[in-house]
C-alpha atoms as a PDB file:
ATOM      1  CA  MET A   1      12.665 -19.724  16.166  1.00  0.00           C
ATOM      2  CA  SER A   2      12.593 -23.435  17.055  1.00  0.00           C
ATOM      3  CA  LYS A   3       9.424 -22.908  19.118  1.00  0.00           C
ATOM      4  CA  PHE A   4       7.822 -21.100  16.184  1.00  0.00           C
ATOM      5  CA  SER A   5       8.794 -23.945  13.847  1.00  0.00           C
ATOM      6  CA  GLY A   6       7.437 -26.470  16.336  1.00  0.00           C
ATOM      7  CA  LEU A   7       4.145 -24.592  16.493  1.00  0.00           C
ATOM      8  CA  GLY A   8       3.970 -24.621  12.717  1.00  0.00           C
ATOM      9  CA  GLY A   9       4.471 -28.387  12.706  1.00  0.00           C
ATOM     10  CA  ARG A  10       1.719 -28.946  15.259  1.00  0.00           C
ATOM     11  CA  LEU A  11      -0.637 -26.704  13.321  1.00  0.00           C
ATOM     12  CA  TYR A  12       0.092 -28.591  10.111  1.00  0.00           C
ATOM     13  CA  ARG A  13      -0.509 -31.999  11.710  1.00  0.00           C
ATOM     14  CA  GLY A  14      -3.711 -30.802  13.382  1.00  0.00           C
ATOM     15  CA  GLU A  15      -2.351 -31.393  16.897  1.00  0.00           C
ATOM     16  CA  THR A  16      -3.287 -27.823  17.791  1.00  0.00           C
ATOM     17  CA  SER A  17      -5.427 -25.328  15.940  1.00  0.00           C
ATOM     18  CA  VAL A  18      -7.168 -21.974  15.975  1.00  0.00           C
ATOM     19  CA  ASP A  19     -10.882 -22.102  15.229  1.00  0.00           C
ATOM     20  CA  PHE A  20     -10.901 -19.539  12.417  1.00  0.00           C
ATOM     21  CA  ILE A  21     -14.006 -20.907  10.724  1.00  0.00           C
ATOM     22  CA  GLY A  22     -16.024 -21.312  13.914  1.00  0.00           C
ATOM     23  CA  LYS A  23     -15.171 -17.782  15.061  1.00  0.00           C
ATOM     24  CA  ARG A  24     -15.323 -16.240  11.613  1.00  0.00           C
ATOM     25  CA  ARG A  25     -17.884 -13.641  12.682  1.00  0.00           C
ATOM     26  CA  ARG A  26     -15.324 -12.143  15.061  1.00  0.00           C
ATOM     27  CA  TRP A  27     -12.829 -11.890  12.229  1.00  0.00           C
ATOM     28  CA  TYR A  28     -15.495 -10.366   9.992  1.00  0.00           C
ATOM     29  CA  ALA A  29     -16.204  -7.774  12.698  1.00  0.00           C
ATOM     30  CA  PHE A  30     -12.501  -6.986  13.148  1.00  0.00           C
ATOM     31  CA  SER A  31     -12.073  -6.658   9.398  1.00  0.00           C
ATOM     32  CA  GLY A  32     -15.152  -4.448   9.228  1.00  0.00           C
ATOM     33  CA  VAL A  33     -13.687  -2.093  11.834  1.00  0.00           C
ATOM     34  CA  LEU A  34     -10.477  -1.758   9.808  1.00  0.00           C
ATOM     35  CA  ILE A  35     -12.422  -1.115   6.608  1.00  0.00           C
ATOM     36  CA  LEU A  36     -14.583   1.503   8.345  1.00  0.00           C
ATOM     37  CA  ALA A  37     -11.514   3.229   9.802  1.00  0.00           C
ATOM     38  CA  SER A  38      -9.875   3.254   6.365  1.00  0.00           C
ATOM     39  CA  ALA A  39     -13.015   4.660   4.748  1.00  0.00           C
ATOM     40  CA  ILE A  40     -13.218   7.433   7.356  1.00  0.00           C
ATOM     41  CA  ALA A  41      -9.535   8.284   6.890  1.00  0.00           C
ATOM     42  CA  LEU A  42      -9.995   8.478   3.117  1.00  0.00           C
ATOM     43  CA  SER A  43     -13.152  10.591   3.345  1.00  0.00           C
ATOM     44  CA  VAL A  44     -11.726  12.998   5.936  1.00  0.00           C
ATOM     45  CA  SER A  45      -8.059  13.283   4.989  1.00  0.00           C
ATOM     46  CA  GLY A  46      -7.949  11.823   1.504  1.00  0.00           C
ATOM     47  CA  LEU A  47      -4.763  10.754  -0.209  1.00  0.00           C
ATOM     48  CA  HIS A  48      -1.862  13.163  -0.538  1.00  0.00           C
ATOM     49  CA  LEU A  49      -0.921  12.582  -4.152  1.00  0.00           C
ATOM     50  CA  GLY A  50       2.650  13.322  -5.126  1.00  0.00           C
ATOM     51  CA  ILE A  51       3.444  15.639  -7.995  1.00  0.00           C
ATOM     52  CA  GLU A  52       3.877  12.603 -10.251  1.00  0.00           C
ATOM     53  CA  PHE A  53       0.091  12.169 -10.158  1.00  0.00           C
ATOM     54  CA  LYS A  54      -1.410  15.621  -9.626  1.00  0.00           C
ATOM     55  CA  GLY A  55       1.312  17.684 -11.260  1.00  0.00           C
ATOM     56  CA  GLY A  56       3.419  20.366  -9.641  1.00  0.00           C
ATOM     57  CA  SER A  57       6.988  21.294  -8.832  1.00  0.00           C
ATOM     58  CA  ALA A  58       9.507  19.983  -6.346  1.00  0.00           C
ATOM     59  CA  PHE A  59      12.758  21.654  -5.299  1.00  0.00           C
ATOM     60  CA  THR A  60      15.319  19.673  -3.320  1.00  0.00           C
ATOM     61  CA  VAL A  61      18.111  21.567  -1.587  1.00  0.00           C
ATOM     62  CA  THR A  62      21.152  19.718  -0.248  1.00  0.00           C
ATOM     63  CA  LYS A  63      23.264  21.478   2.363  1.00  0.00           C
ATOM     64  CA  THR A  64      24.618  20.841   5.831  1.00  0.00           C
ATOM     65  CA  ASP A  65      22.774  22.494   8.736  1.00  0.00           C
ATOM     66  CA  ILE A  66      19.663  22.991   6.638  1.00  0.00           C
ATOM     67  CA  SER A  67      16.291  23.638   8.261  1.00  0.00           C
ATOM     68  CA  VAL A  68      12.645  23.554   7.262  1.00  0.00           C
ATOM     69  CA  THR A  69      12.102  26.944   8.911  1.00  0.00           C
ATOM     70  CA  ASP A  70      14.620  28.646   6.626  1.00  0.00           C
ATOM     71  CA  ALA A  71      13.047  27.012   3.571  1.00  0.00           C
ATOM     72  CA  GLN A  72       9.600  28.190   4.661  1.00  0.00           C
ATOM     73  CA  ALA A  73      10.890  31.724   5.088  1.00  0.00           C
ATOM     74  CA  ALA A  74      12.496  31.677   1.641  1.00  0.00           C
ATOM     75  CA  VAL A  75       9.316  30.465  -0.084  1.00  0.00           C
ATOM     76  CA  ALA A  76       7.125  32.902   1.871  1.00  0.00           C
ATOM     77  CA  ALA A  77       9.351  35.794   0.801  1.00  0.00           C
ATOM     78  CA  THR A  78       8.471  35.156  -2.854  1.00  0.00           C
ATOM     79  CA  GLY A  79       4.805  35.918  -2.151  1.00  0.00           C
ATOM     80  CA  ILE A  80       3.672  33.035  -4.361  1.00  0.00           C
ATOM     81  CA  ALA A  81       0.245  31.796  -3.278  1.00  0.00           C
ATOM     82  CA  GLY A  82      -0.793  28.164  -3.135  1.00  0.00           C
ATOM     83  CA  GLU A  83      -0.264  25.087  -1.003  1.00  0.00           C
ATOM     84  CA  THR A  84       3.361  24.342  -0.230  1.00  0.00           C
ATOM     85  CA  ILE A  85       4.678  21.221   1.478  1.00  0.00           C
ATOM     86  CA  ILE A  86       8.176  21.415   2.931  1.00  0.00           C
ATOM     87  CA  GLN A  87       9.831  18.296   4.316  1.00  0.00           C
ATOM     88  CA  LYS A  88      13.269  17.488   5.633  1.00  0.00           C
ATOM     89  CA  ILE A  89      14.863  14.413   4.077  1.00  0.00           C
ATOM     90  CA  GLY A  90      17.620  12.870   6.123  1.00  0.00           C
ATOM     91  CA  THR A  91      19.964  15.321   7.794  1.00  0.00           C
ATOM     92  CA  ASN A  92      21.070  17.499   4.892  1.00  0.00           C
ATOM     93  CA  LYS A  93      18.144  17.810   2.472  1.00  0.00           C
ATOM     94  CA  VAL A  94      14.945  19.844   2.337  1.00  0.00           C
ATOM     95  CA  ARG A  95      12.236  19.225  -0.259  1.00  0.00           C
ATOM     96  CA  VAL A  96       9.834  21.994  -1.234  1.00  0.00           C
ATOM     97  CA  GLN A  97       6.752  20.756  -3.082  1.00  0.00           C
ATOM     98  CA  THR A  98       4.255  23.114  -4.708  1.00  0.00           C
ATOM     99  CA  GLY A  99       1.379  22.986  -7.136  1.00  0.00           C
ATOM    100  CA  ALA A 100       1.750  23.819 -10.808  1.00  0.00           C
ATOM    101  CA  LEU A 101       3.868  26.952 -11.274  1.00  0.00           C
ATOM    102  CA  SER A 102       4.664  29.265 -14.119  1.00  0.00           C
ATOM    103  CA  VAL A 103       8.257  29.457 -15.297  1.00  0.00           C
ATOM    104  CA  ALA A 104       8.641  32.841 -13.588  1.00  0.00           C
ATOM    105  CA  ASP A 105       7.348  31.547 -10.248  1.00  0.00           C
ATOM    106  CA  SER A 106       9.534  28.445 -10.473  1.00  0.00           C
ATOM    107  CA  ASN A 107      12.600  30.598 -11.085  1.00  0.00           C
ATOM    108  CA  ALA A 108      11.604  32.894  -8.215  1.00  0.00           C
ATOM    109  CA  ILE A 109      11.491  30.006  -5.742  1.00  0.00           C
ATOM    110  CA  GLN A 110      14.833  28.668  -6.968  1.00  0.00           C
ATOM    111  CA  ASP A 111      16.411  32.105  -6.597  1.00  0.00           C
ATOM    112  CA  ALA A 112      14.940  32.528  -3.098  1.00  0.00           C
ATOM    113  CA  LEU A 113      16.201  29.135  -1.930  1.00  0.00           C
ATOM    114  CA  ALA A 114      19.622  29.719  -3.455  1.00  0.00           C
ATOM    115  CA  ALA A 115      19.936  33.111  -1.760  1.00  0.00           C
ATOM    116  CA  LYS A 116      18.702  31.781   1.590  1.00  0.00           C
ATOM    117  CA  PHE A 117      21.135  28.878   1.751  1.00  0.00           C
ATOM    118  CA  GLY A 118      24.054  30.478  -0.055  1.00  0.00           C
ATOM    119  CA  ILE A 119      24.120  28.073  -2.993  1.00  0.00           C
ATOM    120  CA  THR A 120      23.679  28.295  -6.755  1.00  0.00           C
ATOM    121  CA  THR A 121      20.384  27.600  -8.497  1.00  0.00           C
ATOM    122  CA  ASP A 122      22.100  24.856 -10.517  1.00  0.00           C
ATOM    123  CA  SER A 123      22.694  22.869  -7.316  1.00  0.00           C
ATOM    124  CA  ILE A 124      18.940  22.747  -6.592  1.00  0.00           C
ATOM    125  CA  ASP A 125      17.340  19.561  -7.871  1.00  0.00           C
ATOM    126  CA  THR A 126      14.181  20.748  -9.637  1.00  0.00           C
ATOM    127  CA  GLN A 127      11.392  18.456 -10.798  1.00  0.00           C
ATOM    128  CA  ILE A 128       8.422  19.797 -12.752  1.00  0.00           C
ATOM    129  CA  VAL A 129       5.498  17.603 -13.788  1.00  0.00           C
ATOM    130  CA  GLY A 130       2.502  18.850 -15.746  1.00  0.00           C
ATOM    131  CA  PRO A 131      -0.975  17.991 -14.420  1.00  0.00           C
ATOM    132  CA  SER A 132      -1.982  16.359 -17.715  1.00  0.00           C
ATOM    133  CA  TRP A 133       0.939  13.926 -17.464  1.00  0.00           C
ATOM    134  CA  GLY A 134      -0.010  13.051 -13.899  1.00  0.00           C
ATOM    135  CA  LYS A 135      -3.626  12.374 -14.896  1.00  0.00           C
ATOM    136  CA  GLU A 136      -2.471  10.164 -17.765  1.00  0.00           C
ATOM    137  CA  ILE A 137      -0.283   8.097 -15.450  1.00  0.00           C
ATOM    138  CA  THR A 138      -3.144   7.718 -12.966  1.00  0.00           C
ATOM    139  CA  ARG A 139      -5.542   6.639 -15.707  1.00  0.00           C
ATOM    140  CA  LYS A 140      -3.136   4.034 -17.071  1.00  0.00           C
ATOM    141  CA  ALA A 141      -2.410   2.700 -13.589  1.00  0.00           C
ATOM    142  CA  LEU A 142      -6.131   2.222 -12.872  1.00  0.00           C
ATOM    143  CA  TYR A 143      -6.733   0.552 -16.236  1.00  0.00           C
ATOM    144  CA  GLY A 144      -3.825  -1.786 -15.629  1.00  0.00           C
ATOM    145  CA  LEU A 145      -5.098  -2.669 -12.149  1.00  0.00           C
ATOM    146  CA  PHE A 146      -8.634  -3.404 -13.344  1.00  0.00           C
ATOM    147  CA  GLY A 147      -7.310  -5.494 -16.224  1.00  0.00           C
ATOM    148  CA  PHE A 148      -5.109  -7.461 -13.854  1.00  0.00           C
ATOM    149  CA  LEU A 149      -8.002  -8.174 -11.483  1.00  0.00           C
ATOM    150  CA  ILE A 150     -10.184  -9.398 -14.355  1.00  0.00           C
ATOM    151  CA  VAL A 151      -7.468 -11.781 -15.578  1.00  0.00           C
ATOM    152  CA  VAL A 152      -6.931 -13.079 -12.035  1.00  0.00           C
ATOM    153  CA  LEU A 153     -10.679 -13.543 -11.574  1.00  0.00           C
ATOM    154  CA  LEU A 154     -10.936 -15.630 -14.747  1.00  0.00           C
ATOM    155  CA  TYR A 155      -7.869 -17.711 -13.905  1.00  0.00           C
ATOM    156  CA  LEU A 156      -9.004 -18.512 -10.366  1.00  0.00           C
ATOM    157  CA  ALA A 157     -12.505 -19.327 -11.591  1.00  0.00           C
ATOM    158  CA  MET A 158     -11.001 -21.947 -13.896  1.00  0.00           C
ATOM    159  CA  ALA A 159      -8.361 -23.208 -11.448  1.00  0.00           C
ATOM    160  CA  PHE A 160     -10.663 -23.438  -8.423  1.00  0.00           C
ATOM    161  CA  GLU A 161     -14.305 -22.356  -8.330  1.00  0.00           C
ATOM    162  CA  PRO A 162     -16.094 -19.126  -9.286  1.00  0.00           C
ATOM    163  CA  LYS A 163     -16.958 -18.513  -5.619  1.00  0.00           C
ATOM    164  CA  MET A 164     -13.295 -18.868  -4.643  1.00  0.00           C
ATOM    165  CA  ALA A 165     -12.281 -16.478  -7.424  1.00  0.00           C
ATOM    166  CA  ILE A 166     -14.689 -13.830  -6.152  1.00  0.00           C
ATOM    167  CA  ALA A 167     -13.492 -14.384  -2.567  1.00  0.00           C
ATOM    168  CA  ALA A 168      -9.861 -13.979  -3.670  1.00  0.00           C
ATOM    169  CA  ILE A 169     -10.591 -10.670  -5.412  1.00  0.00           C
ATOM    170  CA  ILE A 170     -12.473  -9.437  -2.334  1.00  0.00           C
ATOM    171  CA  ALA A 171      -9.488 -10.408  -0.148  1.00  0.00           C
ATOM    172  CA  VAL A 172      -7.078  -8.536  -2.421  1.00  0.00           C
ATOM    173  CA  ILE A 173      -9.248  -5.407  -2.491  1.00  0.00           C
ATOM    174  CA  HIS A 174      -9.651  -5.684   1.300  1.00  0.00           C
ATOM    175  CA  ASP A 175      -5.887  -5.746   1.918  1.00  0.00           C
ATOM    176  CA  VAL A 176      -5.049  -2.949  -0.508  1.00  0.00           C
ATOM    177  CA  PHE A 177      -7.934  -0.761   0.717  1.00  0.00           C
ATOM    178  CA  ILE A 178      -6.780  -1.004   4.328  1.00  0.00           C
ATOM    179  CA  THR A 179      -3.222  -0.170   3.247  1.00  0.00           C
ATOM    180  CA  VAL A 180      -4.473   2.873   1.339  1.00  0.00           C
ATOM    181  CA  GLY A 181      -6.424   3.867   4.447  1.00  0.00           C
ATOM    182  CA  ILE A 182      -3.225   3.745   6.494  1.00  0.00           C
ATOM    183  CA  TYR A 183      -1.558   6.088   3.996  1.00  0.00           C
ATOM    184  CA  ALA A 184      -4.495   8.479   4.211  1.00  0.00           C
ATOM    185  CA  LEU A 185      -4.420   8.380   8.017  1.00  0.00           C
ATOM    186  CA  VAL A 186      -0.678   8.987   8.304  1.00  0.00           C
ATOM    187  CA  GLY A 187      -0.579  11.528   5.484  1.00  0.00           C
ATOM    188  CA  PHE A 188       2.249  10.072   3.420  1.00  0.00           C
ATOM    189  CA  ASP A 189       2.609  11.248  -0.175  1.00  0.00           C
ATOM    190  CA  VAL A 190       1.485   8.723  -2.767  1.00  0.00           C
ATOM    191  CA  THR A 191       4.314   8.413  -5.277  1.00  0.00           C
ATOM    192  CA  PRO A 192       5.208   5.827  -7.940  1.00  0.00           C
ATOM    193  CA  ALA A 193       7.219   4.026  -5.242  1.00  0.00           C
ATOM    194  CA  THR A 194       4.048   3.878  -3.136  1.00  0.00           C
ATOM    195  CA  VAL A 195       2.132   2.327  -6.022  1.00  0.00           C
ATOM    196  CA  ILE A 196       4.849  -0.304  -6.346  1.00  0.00           C
ATOM    197  CA  GLY A 197       4.391  -1.023  -2.644  1.00  0.00           C
ATOM    198  CA  PHE A 198       0.620  -1.383  -3.117  1.00  0.00           C
ATOM    199  CA  LEU A 199       1.164  -3.768  -6.025  1.00  0.00           C
ATOM    200  CA  THR A 200       3.618  -5.778  -3.931  1.00  0.00           C
ATOM    201  CA  ILE A 201       1.005  -6.146  -1.204  1.00  0.00           C
ATOM    202  CA  LEU A 202      -1.561  -7.101  -3.844  1.00  0.00           C
ATOM    203  CA  GLY A 203       0.747  -9.796  -5.192  1.00  0.00           C
ATOM    204  CA  TYR A 204       1.576 -11.295  -1.800  1.00  0.00           C
ATOM    205  CA  SER A 205      -2.089 -11.195  -0.750  1.00  0.00           C
ATOM    206  CA  LEU A 206      -3.127 -13.018  -3.893  1.00  0.00           C
ATOM    207  CA  TYR A 207      -0.319 -15.549  -3.515  1.00  0.00           C
ATOM    208  CA  ASP A 208      -1.300 -16.292   0.069  1.00  0.00           C
ATOM    209  CA  THR A 209      -4.972 -16.661  -0.865  1.00  0.00           C
ATOM    210  CA  VAL A 210      -4.142 -19.119  -3.644  1.00  0.00           C
ATOM    211  CA  VAL A 211      -2.001 -21.187  -1.250  1.00  0.00           C
ATOM    212  CA  VAL A 212      -4.859 -21.401   1.267  1.00  0.00           C
ATOM    213  CA  PHE A 213      -7.406 -22.255  -1.430  1.00  0.00           C
ATOM    214  CA  ASP A 214      -5.164 -24.978  -2.820  1.00  0.00           C
ATOM    215  CA  LYS A 215      -4.831 -26.506   0.641  1.00  0.00           C
ATOM    216  CA  VAL A 216      -8.607 -26.325   1.157  1.00  0.00           C
ATOM    217  CA  ARG A 217      -9.136 -28.145  -2.130  1.00  0.00           C
ATOM    218  CA  GLU A 218      -6.605 -30.796  -1.140  1.00  0.00           C
ATOM    219  CA  ASN A 219      -8.184 -31.364   2.288  1.00  0.00           C
ATOM    220  CA  THR A 220     -11.777 -31.464   1.023  1.00  0.00           C
ATOM    221  CA  ARG A 221     -11.198 -33.561  -2.080  1.00  0.00           C
ATOM    222  CA  THR A 222     -12.089 -36.872  -0.399  1.00  0.00           C
ATOM    223  CA  ILE A 223     -14.863 -35.616   1.886  1.00  0.00           C
ATOM    224  CA  THR A 224     -18.175 -37.436   1.509  1.00  0.00           C
ATOM    225  CA  SER A 225     -21.377 -37.631   3.512  1.00  0.00           C
ATOM    226  CA  THR A 226     -19.876 -40.477   5.558  1.00  0.00           C
ATOM    227  CA  SER A 227     -16.562 -38.758   6.329  1.00  0.00           C
ATOM    228  CA  LYS A 228     -15.694 -38.021   9.949  1.00  0.00           C
ATOM    229  CA  MET A 229     -14.409 -34.554   9.033  1.00  0.00           C
ATOM    230  CA  THR A 230     -16.831 -31.916   7.818  1.00  0.00           C
ATOM    231  CA  TYR A 231     -16.056 -29.380   5.100  1.00  0.00           C
ATOM    232  CA  SER A 232     -15.750 -26.606   7.702  1.00  0.00           C
ATOM    233  CA  GLN A 233     -13.296 -28.668   9.751  1.00  0.00           C
ATOM    234  CA  ALA A 234     -11.220 -29.474   6.670  1.00  0.00           C
ATOM    235  CA  ALA A 235     -11.193 -25.817   5.633  1.00  0.00           C
ATOM    236  CA  ASN A 236     -10.177 -24.741   9.135  1.00  0.00           C
ATOM    237  CA  LEU A 237      -7.362 -27.303   9.087  1.00  0.00           C
ATOM    238  CA  ALA A 238      -6.180 -25.865   5.769  1.00  0.00           C
ATOM    239  CA  VAL A 239      -6.052 -22.347   7.216  1.00  0.00           C
ATOM    240  CA  ASN A 240      -4.067 -23.606  10.226  1.00  0.00           C
ATOM    241  CA  GLN A 241      -1.710 -25.604   8.021  1.00  0.00           C
ATOM    242  CA  THR A 242      -0.848 -22.474   6.055  1.00  0.00           C
ATOM    243  CA  LEU A 243      -0.891 -20.121   9.060  1.00  0.00           C
ATOM    244  CA  VAL A 244       2.889 -19.859   9.468  1.00  0.00           C
ATOM    245  CA  ARG A 245       3.312 -19.287   5.737  1.00  0.00           C
ATOM    246  CA  SER A 246       0.569 -16.646   5.859  1.00  0.00           C
ATOM    247  CA  PHE A 247       2.285 -14.921   8.792  1.00  0.00           C
ATOM    248  CA  ASN A 248       5.598 -14.808   6.948  1.00  0.00           C
ATOM    249  CA  THR A 249       3.902 -13.583   3.774  1.00  0.00           C
ATOM    250  CA  SER A 250       2.056 -10.846   5.675  1.00  0.00           C
ATOM    251  CA  LEU A 251       5.285  -9.757   7.361  1.00  0.00           C
ATOM    252  CA  ILE A 252       7.027  -9.453   4.007  1.00  0.00           C
ATOM    253  CA  ALA A 253       4.037  -7.629   2.518  1.00  0.00           C
ATOM    254  CA  LEU A 254       4.179  -5.051   5.329  1.00  0.00           C
ATOM    255  CA  LEU A 255       7.734  -4.049   4.417  1.00  0.00           C
ATOM    256  CA  PRO A 256       6.649  -1.870   1.453  1.00  0.00           C
ATOM    257  CA  VAL A 257       4.237  -0.032   3.752  1.00  0.00           C
ATOM    258  CA  GLY A 258       7.000   0.644   6.262  1.00  0.00           C
ATOM    259  CA  SER A 259       9.380   1.810   3.568  1.00  0.00           C
END
């Protein structure tokens, strides 16, 4: 930790540095590869929306020595067609997720699970969400996100420069898009908790961008045509001075993805 702190001090004082600006094309290429991989994952696999967004039913059974195989057999015995996702949660829970079901089909699955595991239907945690409700939540979430980005764009344009505001929005979209691509690649369900994680990443990304921009403005404020330091050098120094903070911010922002 002391070595890391010492490195941060040297970066801040300009005693050592990484040439981010001079080698920016490499970073652009690396970022482009991540964006391309995310786009491919989204186009091939797509996002696995949870029932909160696309509607459907979820049945959670809690019992010791429970298995996914038994749950699959119970659901298959009902003869109900449609995509079914069965996952084990922890050591004593199995979650059965289906598309929209009629009341009769929902009761049939509950009865089959109860009979298979020797429990009552009342002990099965059942969650039913209509598709119209899921679409409404998705629509409101997108409207809220777009409204937030517009407000941020206007604020940054006034606080810094219009070009910086546009760059900040691009950086935020870049970070969230890559995160969404990871979810598509891994195949995790997108739930309200996932959206909270995306918004957390968005917030930390924006915060980090503002910190870097503020440092760039501070370092370039006194630059003139006769200054020894160029704008690019001052901007690169600003990135290095905030590098440790950016690393810590990125580490914290990754926690929602891992969870």
